[in-house]
């Protein structure tokens, strides 16, 4: 089997498998997108607060021992 036959077989199989996929509705996509954006903001704020706390702690330790 040459490369052209393998390519066409592969593309046919991809088309068949793609038809089996259950695509989400628009509402599901919007809902999960909102969840991802909200979680990103929450984790971003949490990491910012942790970074600020560690920075202040290290600064305090350096000032305390110097």
Protein backbone atom coordinates (compact mmCIF):
# COMPACT_ATOMS: atom_id res chain seq x y z
CA UNK A 1 0.00 0.00 0.00
CA UNK A 2 1.57 3.31 -1.04
CA UNK A 3 1.49 6.54 0.89
CA UNK A 4 -1.41 8.00 -1.12
CA UNK A 5 -3.72 5.07 -0.33
CA UNK A 6 -2.74 5.20 3.34
CA UNK A 7 -3.47 8.95 3.43
CA UNK A 8 -6.90 8.59 1.83
CA UNK A 9 -7.74 5.67 4.15
CA UNK A 10 -6.68 7.72 7.14
CA UNK A 11 -8.75 10.73 6.07
CA UNK A 12 -11.83 8.55 5.48
CA UNK A 13 -11.45 7.03 8.93
CA UNK A 14 -11.06 10.49 10.48
CA UNK A 15 -14.29 11.61 8.81
CA UNK A 16 -16.15 8.54 10.11
CA UNK A 17 -14.86 9.04 13.66
CA UNK A 18 -15.67 12.78 13.58
CA UNK A 19 -19.30 11.96 12.81
CA UNK A 20 -19.44 9.87 16.02
CA UNK A 21 -18.40 12.80 18.21
CA UNK A 22 -21.05 14.31 20.46
CA UNK A 23 -20.55 18.04 20.20
CA UNK A 24 -21.55 20.24 23.16
CA UNK A 25 -24.34 22.74 22.82
CA UNK A 26 -23.68 26.47 22.78
CA UNK A 27 -25.04 26.80 26.33
CA UNK A 28 -22.65 24.12 27.59
CA UNK A 29 -19.69 25.82 25.94
CA UNK A 30 -20.62 29.21 27.41
CA UNK A 31 -21.15 27.73 30.88
CA UNK A 32 -17.83 25.88 30.95
CA UNK A 33 -16.02 28.93 29.56
CA UNK A 34 -17.43 31.08 32.36
CA UNK A 35 -16.33 28.49 34.92
CA UNK A 36 -12.79 28.41 33.50
CA UNK A 37 -12.50 32.21 33.46
CA UNK A 38 -13.86 32.53 37.02
CA UNK A 39 -11.53 29.78 38.30
CA UNK A 40 -8.57 31.48 36.59
CA UNK A 41 -9.35 34.77 38.32
CA UNK A 42 -9.83 33.09 41.70
CA UNK A 43 -6.55 31.16 41.44
CA UNK A 44 -4.80 34.28 40.17
CA UNK A 45 -5.96 36.31 43.15
CA UNK A 46 -5.04 33.46 45.52
CA UNK A 47 -1.53 33.17 44.06
CA UNK A 48 -1.10 36.95 44.20
CA UNK A 49 -2.02 36.97 47.90
CA UNK A 50 0.35 34.04 48.60
CA UNK A 51 3.16 35.77 46.72
CA UNK A 52 2.56 39.01 48.63
CA UNK A 53 2.52 37.16 51.97
CA UNK A 54 5.73 35.27 51.23
CA UNK A 55 7.42 38.44 50.02
CA UNK A 56 6.50 40.26 53.23
CA UNK A 57 7.56 37.27 55.35
CA UNK A 58 10.95 37.03 53.66
CA UNK A 59 11.39 40.80 53.91
CA UNK A 60 10.56 40.68 57.63
CA UNK A 61 12.99 37.79 58.23
CA UNK A 62 15.78 39.62 56.40
CA UNK A 63 15.17 42.81 58.37
CA UNK A 64 14.89 40.87 61.66
CA UNK A 65 18.22 39.08 61.26
CA UNK A 66 20.22 41.94 59.78
